N, C-alpha and C. Protein backbone atom coordinates (compact mmCIF):
# COMPACT_ATOMS: atom_id res chain seq x y z
N MET A 1 -28.60 13.44 9.11
CA MET A 1 -27.98 13.61 10.40
C MET A 1 -26.48 13.86 10.17
N THR A 2 -25.94 14.93 10.67
CA THR A 2 -24.52 15.22 10.57
C THR A 2 -23.79 14.47 11.67
N THR A 3 -22.47 14.39 11.53
CA THR A 3 -21.71 13.65 12.54
C THR A 3 -21.83 14.31 13.91
N SER A 4 -22.03 15.62 13.96
CA SER A 4 -22.16 16.29 15.26
C SER A 4 -23.51 16.00 15.92
N GLU A 5 -24.47 15.47 15.17
CA GLU A 5 -25.78 15.15 15.72
C GLU A 5 -25.89 13.70 16.16
N ILE A 6 -24.83 12.94 16.02
CA ILE A 6 -24.85 11.54 16.39
C ILE A 6 -24.87 11.45 17.91
N PRO A 7 -25.85 10.74 18.46
CA PRO A 7 -25.91 10.62 19.93
C PRO A 7 -24.71 9.82 20.45
N ASN A 8 -24.30 10.17 21.66
CA ASN A 8 -23.21 9.46 22.34
C ASN A 8 -21.88 9.51 21.58
N ARG A 9 -21.70 10.57 20.80
CA ARG A 9 -20.45 10.77 20.08
C ARG A 9 -19.33 11.02 21.09
N PRO A 10 -18.15 10.45 20.87
CA PRO A 10 -17.05 10.69 21.81
C PRO A 10 -16.74 12.18 21.93
N THR A 11 -16.38 12.59 23.12
CA THR A 11 -16.02 13.99 23.34
C THR A 11 -14.51 14.17 23.36
N ALA A 12 -13.76 13.09 23.28
CA ALA A 12 -12.31 13.15 23.23
C ALA A 12 -11.81 12.15 22.20
N GLY A 13 -10.61 12.35 21.74
CA GLY A 13 -10.02 11.42 20.79
C GLY A 13 -10.30 11.81 19.36
N ILE A 14 -9.78 11.03 18.44
CA ILE A 14 -9.84 11.35 17.02
C ILE A 14 -11.27 11.37 16.48
N LEU A 15 -12.20 10.69 17.12
CA LEU A 15 -13.58 10.66 16.64
C LEU A 15 -14.41 11.85 17.14
N SER A 16 -13.85 12.67 18.01
CA SER A 16 -14.60 13.81 18.54
C SER A 16 -14.67 14.94 17.51
N ASP A 17 -15.69 15.77 17.66
CA ASP A 17 -15.90 16.88 16.73
C ASP A 17 -14.73 17.85 16.72
N ASP A 18 -14.09 18.07 17.85
CA ASP A 18 -13.00 19.03 17.88
C ASP A 18 -11.73 18.52 17.21
N ARG A 19 -11.70 17.27 16.77
CA ARG A 19 -10.54 16.70 16.04
C ARG A 19 -10.88 16.47 14.57
N ARG A 20 -11.96 17.10 14.10
CA ARG A 20 -12.43 16.88 12.73
C ARG A 20 -11.35 17.19 11.68
N GLU A 21 -10.66 18.30 11.82
CA GLU A 21 -9.66 18.68 10.83
C GLU A 21 -8.52 17.66 10.74
N GLU A 22 -8.03 17.22 11.89
CA GLU A 22 -6.98 16.21 11.91
C GLU A 22 -7.51 14.89 11.33
N ARG A 23 -8.74 14.54 11.68
CA ARG A 23 -9.36 13.31 11.18
C ARG A 23 -9.45 13.36 9.66
N GLU A 24 -9.85 14.50 9.11
CA GLU A 24 -9.97 14.63 7.65
C GLU A 24 -8.61 14.50 6.97
N GLN A 25 -7.55 15.03 7.59
CA GLN A 25 -6.21 14.87 7.04
C GLN A 25 -5.80 13.40 7.03
N ILE A 26 -6.11 12.71 8.11
CA ILE A 26 -5.79 11.28 8.19
C ILE A 26 -6.56 10.51 7.12
N ILE A 27 -7.83 10.84 6.96
CA ILE A 27 -8.65 10.16 5.95
C ILE A 27 -8.04 10.35 4.56
N GLU A 28 -7.59 11.55 4.24
CA GLU A 28 -6.98 11.79 2.92
C GLU A 28 -5.71 10.96 2.74
N MET A 29 -4.89 10.86 3.78
CA MET A 29 -3.69 10.03 3.70
C MET A 29 -4.05 8.56 3.54
N LEU A 30 -5.11 8.13 4.23
CA LEU A 30 -5.55 6.74 4.12
C LEU A 30 -6.12 6.44 2.75
N LYS A 31 -6.81 7.41 2.15
CA LYS A 31 -7.33 7.22 0.79
C LYS A 31 -6.19 7.00 -0.19
N ARG A 32 -5.14 7.79 -0.05
CA ARG A 32 -3.98 7.60 -0.94
C ARG A 32 -3.38 6.21 -0.72
N ALA A 33 -3.24 5.80 0.54
CA ALA A 33 -2.70 4.48 0.85
C ALA A 33 -3.58 3.38 0.26
N TYR A 34 -4.89 3.57 0.37
CA TYR A 34 -5.87 2.62 -0.18
C TYR A 34 -5.65 2.43 -1.69
N PHE A 35 -5.54 3.55 -2.40
CA PHE A 35 -5.34 3.46 -3.84
C PHE A 35 -3.96 2.91 -4.19
N MET A 36 -2.95 3.22 -3.39
CA MET A 36 -1.62 2.66 -3.63
C MET A 36 -1.67 1.14 -3.54
N GLU A 37 -2.37 0.63 -2.54
CA GLU A 37 -2.47 -0.82 -2.38
C GLU A 37 -3.25 -1.46 -3.53
N LEU A 38 -4.35 -0.83 -3.92
CA LEU A 38 -5.13 -1.39 -5.03
C LEU A 38 -4.35 -1.38 -6.33
N GLU A 39 -3.60 -0.32 -6.58
CA GLU A 39 -2.78 -0.29 -7.79
C GLU A 39 -1.69 -1.36 -7.72
N THR A 40 -1.13 -1.56 -6.55
CA THR A 40 -0.13 -2.60 -6.38
C THR A 40 -0.73 -3.97 -6.66
N VAL A 41 -1.95 -4.19 -6.22
CA VAL A 41 -2.63 -5.46 -6.52
C VAL A 41 -2.71 -5.66 -8.04
N MET A 42 -3.15 -4.64 -8.75
CA MET A 42 -3.24 -4.75 -10.22
C MET A 42 -1.87 -5.05 -10.83
N SER A 43 -0.86 -4.32 -10.38
CA SER A 43 0.48 -4.50 -10.93
C SER A 43 1.05 -5.87 -10.59
N TYR A 44 0.79 -6.35 -9.38
CA TYR A 44 1.31 -7.65 -8.99
C TYR A 44 0.59 -8.78 -9.73
N VAL A 45 -0.70 -8.64 -9.96
CA VAL A 45 -1.41 -9.65 -10.76
C VAL A 45 -0.78 -9.71 -12.15
N THR A 46 -0.60 -8.55 -12.76
CA THR A 46 0.00 -8.47 -14.10
C THR A 46 1.37 -9.15 -14.12
N ASN A 47 2.20 -8.80 -13.12
CA ASN A 47 3.57 -9.29 -13.11
C ASN A 47 3.71 -10.69 -12.51
N SER A 48 2.62 -11.24 -12.01
CA SER A 48 2.65 -12.64 -11.58
C SER A 48 2.21 -13.56 -12.71
N ILE A 49 1.81 -12.97 -13.83
CA ILE A 49 1.35 -13.75 -14.97
C ILE A 49 2.23 -13.55 -16.21
N ASN A 50 2.59 -12.31 -16.52
CA ASN A 50 3.27 -12.00 -17.78
C ASN A 50 4.69 -12.51 -17.94
N PRO A 51 5.56 -12.46 -16.95
CA PRO A 51 6.96 -12.84 -17.19
C PRO A 51 7.11 -14.28 -17.67
N ASP A 52 8.11 -14.44 -18.53
CA ASP A 52 8.43 -15.75 -19.10
C ASP A 52 9.81 -16.20 -18.65
N GLY A 53 10.01 -17.50 -18.66
CA GLY A 53 11.32 -18.06 -18.40
C GLY A 53 11.38 -18.79 -17.07
N VAL A 54 12.34 -19.69 -17.00
CA VAL A 54 12.55 -20.50 -15.80
C VAL A 54 12.86 -19.62 -14.60
N ARG A 55 13.66 -18.58 -14.79
CA ARG A 55 14.08 -17.70 -13.70
C ARG A 55 12.93 -16.85 -13.20
N ALA A 56 11.90 -16.70 -13.99
CA ALA A 56 10.76 -15.85 -13.61
C ALA A 56 9.84 -16.54 -12.61
N GLN A 57 9.89 -17.84 -12.53
CA GLN A 57 8.90 -18.58 -11.74
C GLN A 57 8.85 -18.16 -10.27
N GLU A 58 10.00 -18.02 -9.62
CA GLU A 58 10.02 -17.66 -8.20
C GLU A 58 9.45 -16.26 -7.98
N ILE A 59 9.77 -15.34 -8.88
CA ILE A 59 9.26 -13.97 -8.79
C ILE A 59 7.74 -13.98 -8.97
N LYS A 60 7.27 -14.71 -9.96
CA LYS A 60 5.83 -14.79 -10.22
C LYS A 60 5.09 -15.37 -9.01
N GLU A 61 5.63 -16.43 -8.43
CA GLU A 61 4.99 -17.06 -7.27
C GLU A 61 4.95 -16.12 -6.07
N SER A 62 6.04 -15.40 -5.86
CA SER A 62 6.09 -14.45 -4.75
C SER A 62 5.05 -13.35 -4.92
N LEU A 63 4.95 -12.81 -6.13
CA LEU A 63 3.96 -11.76 -6.40
C LEU A 63 2.54 -12.29 -6.26
N ASP A 64 2.33 -13.50 -6.72
CA ASP A 64 1.00 -14.11 -6.61
C ASP A 64 0.58 -14.21 -5.15
N GLU A 65 1.51 -14.59 -4.28
CA GLU A 65 1.21 -14.66 -2.84
C GLU A 65 0.96 -13.27 -2.26
N ASP A 66 1.70 -12.28 -2.72
CA ASP A 66 1.58 -10.92 -2.20
C ASP A 66 0.27 -10.24 -2.57
N VAL A 67 -0.37 -10.68 -3.64
CA VAL A 67 -1.62 -10.07 -4.09
C VAL A 67 -2.66 -10.07 -2.96
N GLN A 68 -2.85 -11.20 -2.32
CA GLN A 68 -3.85 -11.30 -1.25
C GLN A 68 -3.48 -10.42 -0.06
N GLU A 69 -2.21 -10.37 0.26
CA GLU A 69 -1.77 -9.54 1.39
C GLU A 69 -2.00 -8.06 1.08
N GLU A 70 -1.65 -7.63 -0.13
CA GLU A 70 -1.84 -6.23 -0.51
C GLU A 70 -3.33 -5.88 -0.57
N LEU A 71 -4.15 -6.80 -1.05
CA LEU A 71 -5.60 -6.57 -1.06
C LEU A 71 -6.11 -6.44 0.38
N GLY A 72 -5.59 -7.25 1.27
CA GLY A 72 -5.95 -7.15 2.68
C GLY A 72 -5.58 -5.79 3.27
N HIS A 73 -4.42 -5.27 2.86
CA HIS A 73 -4.03 -3.93 3.31
C HIS A 73 -5.03 -2.89 2.83
N ALA A 74 -5.42 -2.98 1.56
CA ALA A 74 -6.40 -2.03 1.01
C ALA A 74 -7.70 -2.09 1.80
N GLN A 75 -8.12 -3.30 2.14
CA GLN A 75 -9.36 -3.45 2.92
C GLN A 75 -9.20 -2.85 4.32
N GLN A 76 -8.05 -3.01 4.92
CA GLN A 76 -7.82 -2.40 6.24
C GLN A 76 -7.89 -0.88 6.15
N PHE A 77 -7.27 -0.31 5.11
CA PHE A 77 -7.33 1.14 4.94
C PHE A 77 -8.77 1.59 4.71
N ALA A 78 -9.51 0.85 3.90
CA ALA A 78 -10.90 1.22 3.62
C ALA A 78 -11.74 1.17 4.90
N ASN A 79 -11.58 0.13 5.68
CA ASN A 79 -12.33 0.03 6.94
C ASN A 79 -11.99 1.17 7.89
N ARG A 80 -10.72 1.55 7.94
CA ARG A 80 -10.34 2.64 8.85
C ARG A 80 -10.89 3.97 8.36
N ILE A 81 -10.93 4.18 7.05
CA ILE A 81 -11.54 5.39 6.50
C ILE A 81 -12.98 5.48 6.97
N LYS A 82 -13.71 4.40 6.86
CA LYS A 82 -15.11 4.35 7.28
C LYS A 82 -15.24 4.59 8.78
N GLU A 83 -14.39 3.96 9.58
CA GLU A 83 -14.43 4.14 11.04
C GLU A 83 -14.20 5.59 11.44
N LEU A 84 -13.45 6.32 10.63
CA LEU A 84 -13.15 7.72 10.92
C LEU A 84 -14.20 8.67 10.34
N TYR A 85 -15.36 8.12 9.98
CA TYR A 85 -16.48 8.88 9.40
C TYR A 85 -16.20 9.37 7.98
N GLY A 86 -15.29 8.71 7.30
CA GLY A 86 -15.01 9.05 5.92
C GLY A 86 -15.80 8.16 4.98
N VAL A 87 -15.65 8.43 3.70
CA VAL A 87 -16.29 7.63 2.66
C VAL A 87 -15.18 6.99 1.83
N VAL A 88 -15.22 5.69 1.72
CA VAL A 88 -14.23 4.98 0.91
C VAL A 88 -14.46 5.38 -0.55
N PRO A 89 -13.41 5.87 -1.22
CA PRO A 89 -13.58 6.37 -2.58
C PRO A 89 -13.84 5.26 -3.59
N GLY A 90 -14.52 5.63 -4.67
CA GLY A 90 -14.78 4.71 -5.77
C GLY A 90 -13.71 4.82 -6.84
N SER A 91 -13.84 4.01 -7.86
CA SER A 91 -12.81 3.90 -8.89
C SER A 91 -12.63 5.19 -9.69
N LEU A 92 -13.64 6.04 -9.77
CA LEU A 92 -13.48 7.27 -10.53
C LEU A 92 -12.49 8.24 -9.90
N GLU A 93 -12.22 8.06 -8.62
CA GLU A 93 -11.23 8.90 -7.94
C GLU A 93 -9.81 8.35 -8.08
N PHE A 94 -9.67 7.15 -8.66
CA PHE A 94 -8.38 6.51 -8.79
C PHE A 94 -7.58 7.09 -9.97
N SER A 95 -6.31 7.30 -9.75
CA SER A 95 -5.40 7.74 -10.80
C SER A 95 -4.12 6.91 -10.69
N ALA A 96 -3.81 6.17 -11.72
CA ALA A 96 -2.64 5.27 -11.70
C ALA A 96 -1.35 6.07 -11.64
N GLU A 97 -0.37 5.52 -10.89
CA GLU A 97 0.93 6.18 -10.74
C GLU A 97 2.11 5.24 -10.99
N GLN A 98 1.87 3.93 -11.00
CA GLN A 98 2.97 2.97 -11.04
C GLN A 98 3.44 2.66 -12.46
N ASP A 99 3.98 3.66 -13.14
CA ASP A 99 4.50 3.43 -14.48
C ASP A 99 5.68 2.46 -14.47
N PHE A 100 6.37 2.36 -13.34
CA PHE A 100 7.54 1.50 -13.20
C PHE A 100 7.18 0.03 -13.07
N LEU A 101 5.90 -0.31 -12.89
CA LEU A 101 5.50 -1.72 -12.79
C LEU A 101 4.65 -2.16 -13.98
N GLN A 102 4.71 -1.40 -15.06
CA GLN A 102 4.01 -1.80 -16.27
C GLN A 102 4.77 -2.97 -16.90
N PRO A 103 4.09 -3.79 -17.68
CA PRO A 103 4.77 -4.94 -18.29
C PRO A 103 6.00 -4.51 -19.08
N ALA A 104 7.07 -5.27 -18.93
CA ALA A 104 8.32 -5.00 -19.64
C ALA A 104 8.14 -5.26 -21.13
N THR A 105 8.95 -4.61 -21.93
CA THR A 105 8.93 -4.84 -23.38
C THR A 105 9.23 -6.31 -23.67
N GLU A 106 10.24 -6.83 -22.99
CA GLU A 106 10.60 -8.24 -23.10
C GLU A 106 10.08 -8.95 -21.86
N GLN A 107 9.27 -9.95 -22.03
CA GLN A 107 8.67 -10.64 -20.90
C GLN A 107 9.66 -11.48 -20.11
N THR A 108 10.90 -11.58 -20.60
CA THR A 108 11.95 -12.27 -19.84
C THR A 108 12.76 -11.28 -19.00
N ASP A 109 12.41 -10.00 -19.03
CA ASP A 109 13.12 -8.97 -18.26
C ASP A 109 12.62 -8.98 -16.82
N ILE A 110 13.14 -9.91 -16.06
CA ILE A 110 12.72 -10.09 -14.67
C ILE A 110 13.27 -8.98 -13.78
N VAL A 111 14.42 -8.44 -14.12
CA VAL A 111 15.01 -7.36 -13.33
C VAL A 111 14.09 -6.13 -13.33
N HIS A 112 13.43 -5.88 -14.45
CA HIS A 112 12.46 -4.78 -14.53
C HIS A 112 11.36 -4.96 -13.48
N VAL A 113 10.88 -6.17 -13.35
CA VAL A 113 9.83 -6.46 -12.38
C VAL A 113 10.37 -6.30 -10.96
N ILE A 114 11.54 -6.85 -10.69
CA ILE A 114 12.12 -6.78 -9.35
C ILE A 114 12.32 -5.32 -8.94
N LYS A 115 12.90 -4.52 -9.82
CA LYS A 115 13.14 -3.11 -9.51
C LYS A 115 11.82 -2.36 -9.32
N GLY A 116 10.81 -2.71 -10.11
CA GLY A 116 9.50 -2.09 -9.97
C GLY A 116 8.87 -2.39 -8.63
N VAL A 117 8.99 -3.63 -8.18
CA VAL A 117 8.44 -4.01 -6.88
C VAL A 117 9.16 -3.25 -5.76
N ILE A 118 10.47 -3.16 -5.85
CA ILE A 118 11.24 -2.43 -4.84
C ILE A 118 10.79 -0.98 -4.79
N LYS A 119 10.58 -0.38 -5.94
CA LYS A 119 10.15 1.02 -5.99
C LYS A 119 8.74 1.18 -5.41
N ALA A 120 7.84 0.25 -5.72
CA ALA A 120 6.47 0.31 -5.18
C ALA A 120 6.48 0.17 -3.67
N GLU A 121 7.24 -0.78 -3.16
CA GLU A 121 7.30 -1.00 -1.72
C GLU A 121 7.95 0.18 -1.01
N THR A 122 8.97 0.75 -1.62
CA THR A 122 9.63 1.93 -1.04
C THR A 122 8.66 3.10 -0.98
N GLY A 123 7.90 3.31 -2.03
CA GLY A 123 6.90 4.39 -2.03
C GLY A 123 5.86 4.20 -0.94
N ALA A 124 5.42 2.97 -0.76
CA ALA A 124 4.44 2.67 0.29
C ALA A 124 5.06 2.94 1.66
N ILE A 125 6.26 2.47 1.88
CA ILE A 125 6.93 2.66 3.17
C ILE A 125 7.07 4.15 3.48
N GLU A 126 7.46 4.92 2.49
CA GLU A 126 7.63 6.36 2.70
C GLU A 126 6.30 7.02 3.06
N HIS A 127 5.23 6.67 2.33
CA HIS A 127 3.92 7.25 2.63
C HIS A 127 3.42 6.81 3.99
N TYR A 128 3.59 5.55 4.31
CA TYR A 128 3.11 5.04 5.59
C TYR A 128 3.89 5.66 6.75
N SER A 129 5.17 5.95 6.54
CA SER A 129 5.95 6.63 7.57
C SER A 129 5.36 8.01 7.87
N LYS A 130 4.90 8.70 6.85
CA LYS A 130 4.26 10.01 7.04
C LYS A 130 2.97 9.87 7.84
N ILE A 131 2.20 8.84 7.55
CA ILE A 131 0.96 8.62 8.30
C ILE A 131 1.28 8.34 9.77
N VAL A 132 2.25 7.47 10.00
CA VAL A 132 2.64 7.11 11.36
C VAL A 132 3.07 8.36 12.12
N GLU A 133 3.87 9.18 11.49
CA GLU A 133 4.35 10.41 12.14
C GLU A 133 3.19 11.36 12.44
N PHE A 134 2.29 11.54 11.47
CA PHE A 134 1.16 12.45 11.67
C PHE A 134 0.25 11.95 12.79
N CYS A 135 0.07 10.65 12.87
CA CYS A 135 -0.87 10.06 13.84
C CYS A 135 -0.30 9.98 15.25
N ASP A 136 0.99 10.21 15.41
CA ASP A 136 1.61 10.09 16.72
C ASP A 136 0.97 11.05 17.71
N GLY A 137 0.35 10.49 18.73
CA GLY A 137 -0.32 11.28 19.74
C GLY A 137 -1.67 11.83 19.31
N VAL A 138 -2.08 11.52 18.07
CA VAL A 138 -3.34 12.03 17.53
C VAL A 138 -4.34 10.89 17.32
N ASP A 139 -3.89 9.81 16.70
CA ASP A 139 -4.75 8.67 16.38
C ASP A 139 -3.91 7.40 16.47
N LEU A 140 -3.84 6.86 17.66
CA LEU A 140 -2.99 5.70 17.91
C LEU A 140 -3.51 4.44 17.25
N VAL A 141 -4.81 4.35 17.03
CA VAL A 141 -5.39 3.18 16.38
C VAL A 141 -4.91 3.11 14.92
N THR A 142 -5.04 4.23 14.21
CA THR A 142 -4.56 4.27 12.82
C THR A 142 -3.06 4.05 12.80
N GLN A 143 -2.35 4.69 13.71
CA GLN A 143 -0.89 4.55 13.76
C GLN A 143 -0.49 3.09 13.92
N ASP A 144 -1.13 2.39 14.84
CA ASP A 144 -0.82 0.98 15.08
C ASP A 144 -1.08 0.13 13.84
N MET A 145 -2.22 0.37 13.19
CA MET A 145 -2.57 -0.38 11.98
C MET A 145 -1.52 -0.15 10.89
N VAL A 146 -1.14 1.10 10.69
CA VAL A 146 -0.20 1.44 9.61
C VAL A 146 1.19 0.89 9.92
N ILE A 147 1.59 0.90 11.18
CA ILE A 147 2.89 0.31 11.55
C ILE A 147 2.91 -1.17 11.17
N SER A 148 1.84 -1.88 11.44
CA SER A 148 1.75 -3.30 11.11
C SER A 148 1.83 -3.52 9.59
N ILE A 149 1.11 -2.70 8.84
CA ILE A 149 1.14 -2.82 7.38
C ILE A 149 2.53 -2.46 6.86
N GLN A 150 3.13 -1.42 7.43
CA GLN A 150 4.47 -1.02 7.00
C GLN A 150 5.48 -2.14 7.22
N ARG A 151 5.33 -2.88 8.30
CA ARG A 151 6.22 -4.02 8.56
C ARG A 151 6.13 -5.03 7.41
N ASP A 152 4.91 -5.30 6.95
CA ASP A 152 4.73 -6.22 5.81
C ASP A 152 5.45 -5.69 4.57
N GLU A 153 5.30 -4.39 4.31
CA GLU A 153 5.90 -3.79 3.12
C GLU A 153 7.43 -3.85 3.20
N GLU A 154 7.97 -3.63 4.39
CA GLU A 154 9.42 -3.72 4.56
C GLU A 154 9.91 -5.14 4.27
N GLY A 155 9.13 -6.13 4.69
CA GLY A 155 9.48 -7.52 4.40
C GLY A 155 9.45 -7.82 2.91
N HIS A 156 8.44 -7.29 2.22
CA HIS A 156 8.36 -7.48 0.76
C HIS A 156 9.58 -6.84 0.08
N ARG A 157 9.88 -5.60 0.49
CA ARG A 157 11.01 -4.91 -0.14
C ARG A 157 12.29 -5.68 0.11
N ARG A 158 12.50 -6.14 1.33
CA ARG A 158 13.72 -6.86 1.66
C ARG A 158 13.86 -8.13 0.81
N LEU A 159 12.77 -8.85 0.62
CA LEU A 159 12.80 -10.06 -0.21
C LEU A 159 13.23 -9.73 -1.63
N PHE A 160 12.65 -8.68 -2.20
CA PHE A 160 12.97 -8.34 -3.59
C PHE A 160 14.35 -7.70 -3.72
N GLU A 161 14.84 -7.07 -2.67
CA GLU A 161 16.23 -6.60 -2.69
C GLU A 161 17.18 -7.80 -2.76
N GLY A 162 16.82 -8.88 -2.09
CA GLY A 162 17.61 -10.10 -2.18
C GLY A 162 17.60 -10.69 -3.58
N PHE A 163 16.43 -10.69 -4.21
CA PHE A 163 16.36 -11.15 -5.61
C PHE A 163 17.26 -10.30 -6.50
N LEU A 164 17.22 -8.98 -6.30
CA LEU A 164 18.03 -8.08 -7.12
C LEU A 164 19.52 -8.33 -6.90
N ARG A 165 19.94 -8.51 -5.65
CA ARG A 165 21.35 -8.78 -5.37
C ARG A 165 21.81 -10.06 -6.08
N GLU A 166 20.94 -11.05 -6.11
CA GLU A 166 21.29 -12.29 -6.80
C GLU A 166 21.50 -12.04 -8.29
N TYR A 167 20.63 -11.30 -8.91
CA TYR A 167 20.77 -10.98 -10.33
C TYR A 167 22.01 -10.11 -10.57
N GLN A 168 22.31 -9.19 -9.66
CA GLN A 168 23.49 -8.34 -9.78
C GLN A 168 24.77 -9.19 -9.67
N ALA A 169 24.78 -10.13 -8.74
CA ALA A 169 25.96 -10.99 -8.56
C ALA A 169 26.25 -11.84 -9.80
N GLU A 170 25.19 -12.13 -10.54
CA GLU A 170 25.34 -12.93 -11.76
C GLU A 170 25.56 -12.05 -12.98
N GLY A 171 25.60 -10.74 -12.79
CA GLY A 171 25.81 -9.82 -13.90
C GLY A 171 24.58 -9.63 -14.79
N ARG A 172 23.40 -9.93 -14.26
CA ARG A 172 22.16 -9.82 -15.04
C ARG A 172 21.39 -8.54 -14.74
N ALA A 173 21.90 -7.73 -13.82
CA ALA A 173 21.20 -6.48 -13.48
C ALA A 173 22.15 -5.31 -13.48
């Protein structure tokens, strides 16, 4: 059964057949967001365990807390992909991009982790802004969801910008 053969299919809105092209564009943007979140989960797990030193503890704890939130974002993106008649992609479609959040050569290099988190959050915010803009007047449900997730990402970035300022003030960054 194709989506056009589904009984009682909406005749208006993003789920209607005449919005298929826009829906498919949104699904592709959501797939990228989904993979960005999953990669961030992997990177945050790594960086919540690997760093050494007394100064690393607060960063590690913050990342450990963020793992669940980022995983929740990935699940929200996956659910929305499905709701839009898309297929949530499997791991074979994943391609890693976060070279900036790979483990530092020195496990006491906390500034490397902080800067990597800021870059990851900035990338997410930029991508989510594109989704919000594209969805304006087209898919308000997706737009609302992404705005909420973007708010979380802005909070994460702001927290880590504060960590970086502290290291800069001490001459460590």
